[in-house]
Amino acid sequence: MAPTPVGILAVGNLEYRLPRELLRAEVELIRALGVEFICITCVGRDIALAVIRAKHKGTTIAVGAK
C-alpha cells in the first residue's frame, strides 16, 4: 500500500516523467476543495464502511491494486 492518495502514480512513475511536486500540488488543490484522503486503511478491519458513510456526504473507495 502506498501512503499517498495518488498511489501508483507516485511510486510507479519516474520523477522526470511525472514530477512529485506536480502530484503534491494536485493533491493539495483537491484537499482545498474539501476532500479528505484516508490512506493505508482496510475498510471492514480498520474502520467500518457504515462509519465512513455516516461521517461524509460522499465516499469513494479505491482498491489500490497494482
PDB file of N, CA and C in Angstrom:
ATOM      1  N   MET A   1       0.835  -1.180   0.000  1.00  0.00           N
ATOM      2  CA  MET A   1       0.000   0.000   0.000  1.00  0.00           C
ATOM      3  C   MET A   1       0.881   1.245   0.000  1.00  0.00           C
ATOM      4  N   ALA A   2       0.468   2.213  -0.751  1.00  0.00           N
ATOM      5  CA  ALA A   2       1.212   3.464  -0.830  1.00  0.00           C
ATOM      6  C   ALA A   2       0.618   4.482   0.144  1.00  0.00           C
ATOM      7  N   PRO A   3       1.469   5.197   0.862  1.00  0.00           N
ATOM      8  CA  PRO A   3       0.976   6.174   1.833  1.00  0.00           C
ATOM      9  C   PRO A   3       0.607   7.518   1.193  1.00  0.00           C
ATOM     10  N   THR A   4       0.126   7.483  -0.009  1.00  0.00           N
ATOM     11  CA  THR A   4      -0.204   8.710  -0.721  1.00  0.00           C
ATOM     12  C   THR A   4      -1.502   8.521  -1.508  1.00  0.00           C
ATOM     13  N   PRO A   5      -2.309   9.553  -1.632  1.00  0.00           N
ATOM     14  CA  PRO A   5      -3.563   9.419  -2.364  1.00  0.00           C
ATOM     15  C   PRO A   5      -3.389   9.138  -3.858  1.00  0.00           C
ATOM     16  N   VAL A   6      -2.207   9.387  -4.406  1.00  0.00           N
ATOM     17  CA  VAL A   6      -2.013   9.157  -5.836  1.00  0.00           C
ATOM     18  C   VAL A   6      -1.426   7.787  -6.121  1.00  0.00           C
ATOM     19  N   GLY A   7      -1.118   7.043  -5.085  1.00  0.00           N
ATOM     20  CA  GLY A   7      -0.692   5.656  -5.195  1.00  0.00           C
ATOM     21  C   GLY A   7       0.366   5.377  -6.245  1.00  0.00           C
ATOM     22  N   ILE A   8       0.015   4.553  -7.210  1.00  0.00           N
ATOM     23  CA  ILE A   8       0.964   4.078  -8.212  1.00  0.00           C
ATOM     24  C   ILE A   8       1.512   5.209  -9.081  1.00  0.00           C
ATOM     25  N   LEU A   9       0.776   6.307  -9.200  1.00  0.00           N
ATOM     26  CA  LEU A   9       1.306   7.454  -9.944  1.00  0.00           C
ATOM     27  C   LEU A   9       2.598   7.963  -9.306  1.00  0.00           C
ATOM     28  N   ALA A  10       2.673   7.890  -7.979  1.00  0.00           N
ATOM     29  CA  ALA A  10       3.855   8.381  -7.274  1.00  0.00           C
ATOM     30  C   ALA A  10       4.965   7.342  -7.199  1.00  0.00           C
ATOM     31  N   VAL A  11       4.599   6.092  -7.002  1.00  0.00           N
ATOM     32  CA  VAL A  11       5.631   5.078  -6.799  1.00  0.00           C
ATOM     33  C   VAL A  11       5.965   4.293  -8.064  1.00  0.00           C
ATOM     34  N   GLY A  12       5.149   4.392  -9.091  1.00  0.00           N
ATOM     35  CA  GLY A  12       5.368   3.602 -10.287  1.00  0.00           C
ATOM     36  C   GLY A  12       5.880   4.378 -11.490  1.00  0.00           C
ATOM     37  N   ASN A  13       6.000   5.688 -11.355  1.00  0.00           N
ATOM     38  CA  ASN A  13       6.498   6.516 -12.451  1.00  0.00           C
ATOM     39  C   ASN A  13       7.797   7.193 -12.055  1.00  0.00           C
ATOM     40  N   LEU A  14       8.642   7.386 -13.029  1.00  0.00           N
ATOM     41  CA  LEU A  14       9.903   8.075 -12.769  1.00  0.00           C
ATOM     42  C   LEU A  14       9.657   9.559 -12.553  1.00  0.00           C
ATOM     43  N   GLU A  15      10.455  10.155 -11.686  1.00  0.00           N
ATOM     44  CA  GLU A  15      10.311  11.568 -11.308  1.00  0.00           C
ATOM     45  C   GLU A  15      10.320  12.493 -12.520  1.00  0.00           C
ATOM     46  N   TYR A  16      11.183  12.230 -13.495  1.00  0.00           N
ATOM     47  CA  TYR A  16      11.273  13.136 -14.639  1.00  0.00           C
ATOM     48  C   TYR A  16      10.050  13.032 -15.561  1.00  0.00           C
ATOM     49  N   ARG A  17       9.333  11.932 -15.477  1.00  0.00           N
ATOM     50  CA  ARG A  17       8.125  11.780 -16.291  1.00  0.00           C
ATOM     51  C   ARG A  17       6.894  12.384 -15.619  1.00  0.00           C
ATOM     52  N   LEU A  18       6.851  12.293 -14.312  1.00  0.00           N
ATOM     53  CA  LEU A  18       5.728  12.830 -13.553  1.00  0.00           C
ATOM     54  C   LEU A  18       6.297  13.431 -12.265  1.00  0.00           C
ATOM     55  N   PRO A  19       6.624  14.712 -12.293  1.00  0.00           N
ATOM     56  CA  PRO A  19       7.271  15.348 -11.143  1.00  0.00           C
ATOM     57  C   PRO A  19       6.428  15.234  -9.867  1.00  0.00           C
ATOM     58  N   ARG A  20       7.088  14.870  -8.777  1.00  0.00           N
ATOM     59  CA  ARG A  20       6.396  14.694  -7.495  1.00  0.00           C
ATOM     60  C   ARG A  20       5.763  16.003  -7.025  1.00  0.00           C
ATOM     61  N   GLU A  21       6.413  17.119  -7.317  1.00  0.00           N
ATOM     62  CA  GLU A  21       5.861  18.410  -6.915  1.00  0.00           C
ATOM     63  C   GLU A  21       4.519  18.665  -7.607  1.00  0.00           C
ATOM     64  N   LEU A  22       4.381  18.256  -8.846  1.00  0.00           N
ATOM     65  CA  LEU A  22       3.114  18.387  -9.565  1.00  0.00           C
ATOM     66  C   LEU A  22       2.032  17.538  -8.892  1.00  0.00           C
ATOM     67  N   LEU A  23       2.385  16.307  -8.525  1.00  0.00           N
ATOM     68  CA  LEU A  23       1.439  15.439  -7.829  1.00  0.00           C
ATOM     69  C   LEU A  23       1.012  16.054  -6.495  1.00  0.00           C
ATOM     70  N   ARG A  24       1.993  16.555  -5.733  1.00  0.00           N
ATOM     71  CA  ARG A  24       1.667  17.179  -4.444  1.00  0.00           C
ATOM     72  C   ARG A  24       0.743  18.378  -4.631  1.00  0.00           C
ATOM     73  N   ALA A  25       1.010  19.187  -5.647  1.00  0.00           N
ATOM     74  CA  ALA A  25       0.181  20.366  -5.915  1.00  0.00           C
ATOM     75  C   ALA A  25      -1.250  19.957  -6.270  1.00  0.00           C
ATOM     76  N   GLU A  26      -1.400  18.927  -7.071  1.00  0.00           N
ATOM     77  CA  GLU A  26      -2.729  18.450  -7.457  1.00  0.00           C
ATOM     78  C   GLU A  26      -3.501  17.922  -6.241  1.00  0.00           C
ATOM     79  N   VAL A  27      -2.820  17.166  -5.393  1.00  0.00           N
ATOM     80  CA  VAL A  27      -3.463  16.637  -4.187  1.00  0.00           C
ATOM     81  C   VAL A  27      -3.882  17.786  -3.277  1.00  0.00           C
ATOM     82  N   GLU A  28      -3.025  18.774  -3.113  1.00  0.00           N
ATOM     83  CA  GLU A  28      -3.363  19.908  -2.256  1.00  0.00           C
ATOM     84  C   GLU A  28      -4.526  20.722  -2.816  1.00  0.00           C
ATOM     85  N   LEU A  29      -4.610  20.823  -4.118  1.00  0.00           N
ATOM     86  CA  LEU A  29      -5.740  21.506  -4.750  1.00  0.00           C
ATOM     87  C   LEU A  29      -7.050  20.771  -4.436  1.00  0.00           C
ATOM     88  N   ILE A  30      -7.012  19.463  -4.544  1.00  0.00           N
ATOM     89  CA  ILE A  30      -8.198  18.658  -4.249  1.00  0.00           C
ATOM     90  C   ILE A  30      -8.555  18.764  -2.771  1.00  0.00           C
ATOM     91  N   ARG A  31      -7.537  18.744  -1.896  1.00  0.00           N
ATOM     92  CA  ARG A  31      -7.789  18.916  -0.454  1.00  0.00           C
ATOM     93  C   ARG A  31      -8.430  20.268  -0.165  1.00  0.00           C
ATOM     94  N   ALA A  32      -7.962  21.304  -0.864  1.00  0.00           N
ATOM     95  CA  ALA A  32      -8.502  22.651  -0.663  1.00  0.00           C
ATOM     96  C   ALA A  32      -9.981  22.724  -1.026  1.00  0.00           C
ATOM     97  N   LEU A  33     -10.434  21.817  -1.869  1.00  0.00           N
ATOM     98  CA  LEU A  33     -11.852  21.757  -2.237  1.00  0.00           C
ATOM     99  C   LEU A  33     -12.686  21.042  -1.172  1.00  0.00           C
ATOM    100  N   GLY A  34     -12.022  20.502  -0.158  1.00  0.00           N
ATOM    101  CA  GLY A  34     -12.726  19.865   0.947  1.00  0.00           C
ATOM    102  C   GLY A  34     -12.675  18.350   0.972  1.00  0.00           C
ATOM    103  N   VAL A  35     -11.875  17.755   0.096  1.00  0.00           N
ATOM    104  CA  VAL A  35     -11.781  16.289   0.051  1.00  0.00           C
ATOM    105  C   VAL A  35     -10.819  15.817   1.143  1.00  0.00           C
ATOM    106  N   GLU A  36     -11.212  14.766   1.850  1.00  0.00           N
ATOM    107  CA  GLU A  36     -10.350  14.155   2.855  1.00  0.00           C
ATOM    108  C   GLU A  36      -9.859  12.822   2.315  1.00  0.00           C
ATOM    109  N   PHE A  37      -8.545  12.621   2.332  1.00  0.00           N
ATOM    110  CA  PHE A  37      -7.957  11.357   1.894  1.00  0.00           C
ATOM    111  C   PHE A  37      -7.610  10.534   3.124  1.00  0.00           C
ATOM    112  N   ILE A  38      -7.964   9.271   3.098  1.00  0.00           N
ATOM    113  CA  ILE A  38      -7.590   8.350   4.169  1.00  0.00           C
ATOM    114  C   ILE A  38      -6.826   7.216   3.496  1.00  0.00           C
ATOM    115  N   CYS A  39      -5.531   7.148   3.755  1.00  0.00           N
ATOM    116  CA  CYS A  39      -4.670   6.157   3.095  1.00  0.00           C
ATOM    117  C   CYS A  39      -4.308   5.026   4.061  1.00  0.00           C
ATOM    118  N   ILE A  40      -3.908   3.920   3.475  1.00  0.00           N
ATOM    119  CA  ILE A  40      -3.465   2.731   4.198  1.00  0.00           C
ATOM    120  C   ILE A  40      -4.485   2.336   5.270  1.00  0.00           C
ATOM    121  N   THR A  41      -5.707   2.141   4.840  1.00  0.00           N
ATOM    122  CA  THR A  41      -6.793   1.766   5.744  1.00  0.00           C
ATOM    123  C   THR A  41      -7.576   0.625   5.117  1.00  0.00           C
ATOM    124  N   CYS A  42      -7.832  -0.371   5.897  1.00  0.00           N
ATOM    125  CA  CYS A  42      -8.614  -1.508   5.428  1.00  0.00           C
ATOM    126  C   CYS A  42     -10.055  -1.337   5.907  1.00  0.00           C
ATOM    127  N   VAL A  43     -10.955  -1.076   4.964  1.00  0.00           N
ATOM    128  CA  VAL A  43     -12.364  -0.912   5.308  1.00  0.00           C
ATOM    129  C   VAL A  43     -12.905  -2.268   5.761  1.00  0.00           C
ATOM    130  N   GLY A  44     -13.531  -2.270   6.914  1.00  0.00           N
ATOM    131  CA  GLY A  44     -14.031  -3.509   7.496  1.00  0.00           C
ATOM    132  C   GLY A  44     -13.143  -4.009   8.611  1.00  0.00           C
ATOM    133  N   ARG A  45     -11.857  -3.712   8.542  1.00  0.00           N
ATOM    134  CA  ARG A  45     -10.931  -4.099   9.608  1.00  0.00           C
ATOM    135  C   ARG A  45     -10.550  -2.872  10.440  1.00  0.00           C
ATOM    136  N   ASP A  46     -10.054  -1.826   9.779  1.00  0.00           N
ATOM    137  CA  ASP A  46      -9.617  -0.619  10.476  1.00  0.00           C
ATOM    138  C   ASP A  46     -10.765   0.337  10.773  1.00  0.00           C
ATOM    139  N   ILE A  47     -11.740   0.353   9.912  1.00  0.00           N
ATOM    140  CA  ILE A  47     -12.905   1.221  10.073  1.00  0.00           C
ATOM    141  C   ILE A  47     -14.078   0.595   9.321  1.00  0.00           C
ATOM    142  N   ALA A  48     -15.245   0.725   9.880  1.00  0.00           N
ATOM    143  CA  ALA A  48     -16.440   0.156   9.242  1.00  0.00           C
ATOM    144  C   ALA A  48     -16.942   1.094   8.142  1.00  0.00           C
ATOM    145  N   LEU A  49     -17.440   0.512   7.074  1.00  0.00           N
ATOM    146  CA  LEU A  49     -17.988   1.313   5.982  1.00  0.00           C
ATOM    147  C   LEU A  49     -19.129   2.191   6.485  1.00  0.00           C
ATOM    148  N   ALA A  50     -19.921   1.691   7.395  1.00  0.00           N
ATOM    149  CA  ALA A  50     -21.040   2.469   7.942  1.00  0.00           C
ATOM    150  C   ALA A  50     -20.537   3.733   8.649  1.00  0.00           C
ATOM    151  N   VAL A  51     -19.408   3.646   9.311  1.00  0.00           N
ATOM    152  CA  VAL A  51     -18.823   4.810   9.987  1.00  0.00           C
ATOM    153  C   VAL A  51     -18.378   5.844   8.967  1.00  0.00           C
ATOM    154  N   ILE A  52     -17.734   5.384   7.911  1.00  0.00           N
ATOM    155  CA  ILE A  52     -17.279   6.294   6.855  1.00  0.00           C
ATOM    156  C   ILE A  52     -18.481   6.985   6.221  1.00  0.00           C
ATOM    157  N   ARG A  53     -19.502   6.231   5.878  1.00  0.00           N
ATOM    158  CA  ARG A  53     -20.685   6.800   5.219  1.00  0.00           C
ATOM    159  C   ARG A  53     -21.439   7.764   6.131  1.00  0.00           C
ATOM    160  N   ALA A  54     -21.427   7.507   7.432  1.00  0.00           N
ATOM    161  CA  ALA A  54     -22.111   8.392   8.371  1.00  0.00           C
ATOM    162  C   ALA A  54     -21.376   9.725   8.540  1.00  0.00           C
ATOM    163  N   LYS A  55     -20.054   9.702   8.395  1.00  0.00           N
ATOM    164  CA  LYS A  55     -19.246  10.898   8.610  1.00  0.00           C
ATOM    165  C   LYS A  55     -19.143  11.802   7.392  1.00  0.00           C
ATOM    166  N   HIS A  56     -19.397  11.284   6.205  1.00  0.00           N
ATOM    167  CA  HIS A  56     -19.127  12.031   4.973  1.00  0.00           C
ATOM    168  C   HIS A  56     -20.350  12.064   4.053  1.00  0.00           C
ATOM    169  N   LYS A  57     -20.421  13.109   3.260  1.00  0.00           N
ATOM    170  CA  LYS A  57     -21.524  13.248   2.288  1.00  0.00           C
ATOM    171  C   LYS A  57     -21.364  12.254   1.132  1.00  0.00           C
ATOM    172  N   GLY A  58     -20.151  12.009   0.736  1.00  0.00           N
ATOM    173  CA  GLY A  58     -19.881  11.092  -0.371  1.00  0.00           C
ATOM    174  C   GLY A  58     -18.606  10.326  -0.087  1.00  0.00           C
ATOM    175  N   THR A  59     -18.503   9.147  -0.651  1.00  0.00           N
ATOM    176  CA  THR A  59     -17.351   8.289  -0.396  1.00  0.00           C
ATOM    177  C   THR A  59     -16.926   7.593  -1.677  1.00  0.00           C
ATOM    178  N   THR A  60     -15.641   7.587  -1.914  1.00  0.00           N
ATOM    179  CA  THR A  60     -15.065   6.804  -2.996  1.00  0.00           C
ATOM    180  C   THR A  60     -14.024   5.888  -2.377  1.00  0.00           C
ATOM    181  N   ILE A  61     -14.124   4.617  -2.644  1.00  0.00           N
ATOM    182  CA  ILE A  61     -13.148   3.674  -2.125  1.00  0.00           C
ATOM    183  C   ILE A  61     -12.328   3.166  -3.297  1.00  0.00           C
ATOM    184  N   ALA A  62     -11.019   3.408  -3.226  1.00  0.00           N
ATOM    185  CA  ALA A  62     -10.102   2.944  -4.260  1.00  0.00           C
ATOM    186  C   ALA A  62      -9.353   1.735  -3.737  1.00  0.00           C
ATOM    187  N   VAL A  63      -9.396   0.668  -4.474  1.00  0.00           N
ATOM    188  CA  VAL A  63      -8.835  -0.595  -4.029  1.00  0.00           C
ATOM    189  C   VAL A  63      -7.320  -0.517  -3.849  1.00  0.00           C
ATOM    190  N   GLY A  64      -6.630   0.122  -4.757  1.00  0.00           N
ATOM    191  CA  GLY A  64      -5.188   0.239  -4.630  1.00  0.00           C
ATOM    192  C   GLY A  64      -4.420  -0.957  -5.160  1.00  0.00           C
ATOM    193  N   ALA A  65      -5.053  -1.797  -5.956  1.00  0.00           N
ATOM    194  CA  ALA A  65      -4.372  -2.940  -6.538  1.00  0.00           C
ATOM    195  C   ALA A  65      -3.430  -2.479  -7.643  1.00  0.00           C
ATOM    196  N   LYS A  66      -2.228  -2.976  -7.635  1.00  0.00           N
ATOM    197  CA  LYS A  66      -1.242  -2.566  -8.641  1.00  0.00           C
ATOM    198  C   LYS A  66      -1.350  -3.408  -9.876  1.00  0.00           C
TER     199      LYS A  66
END
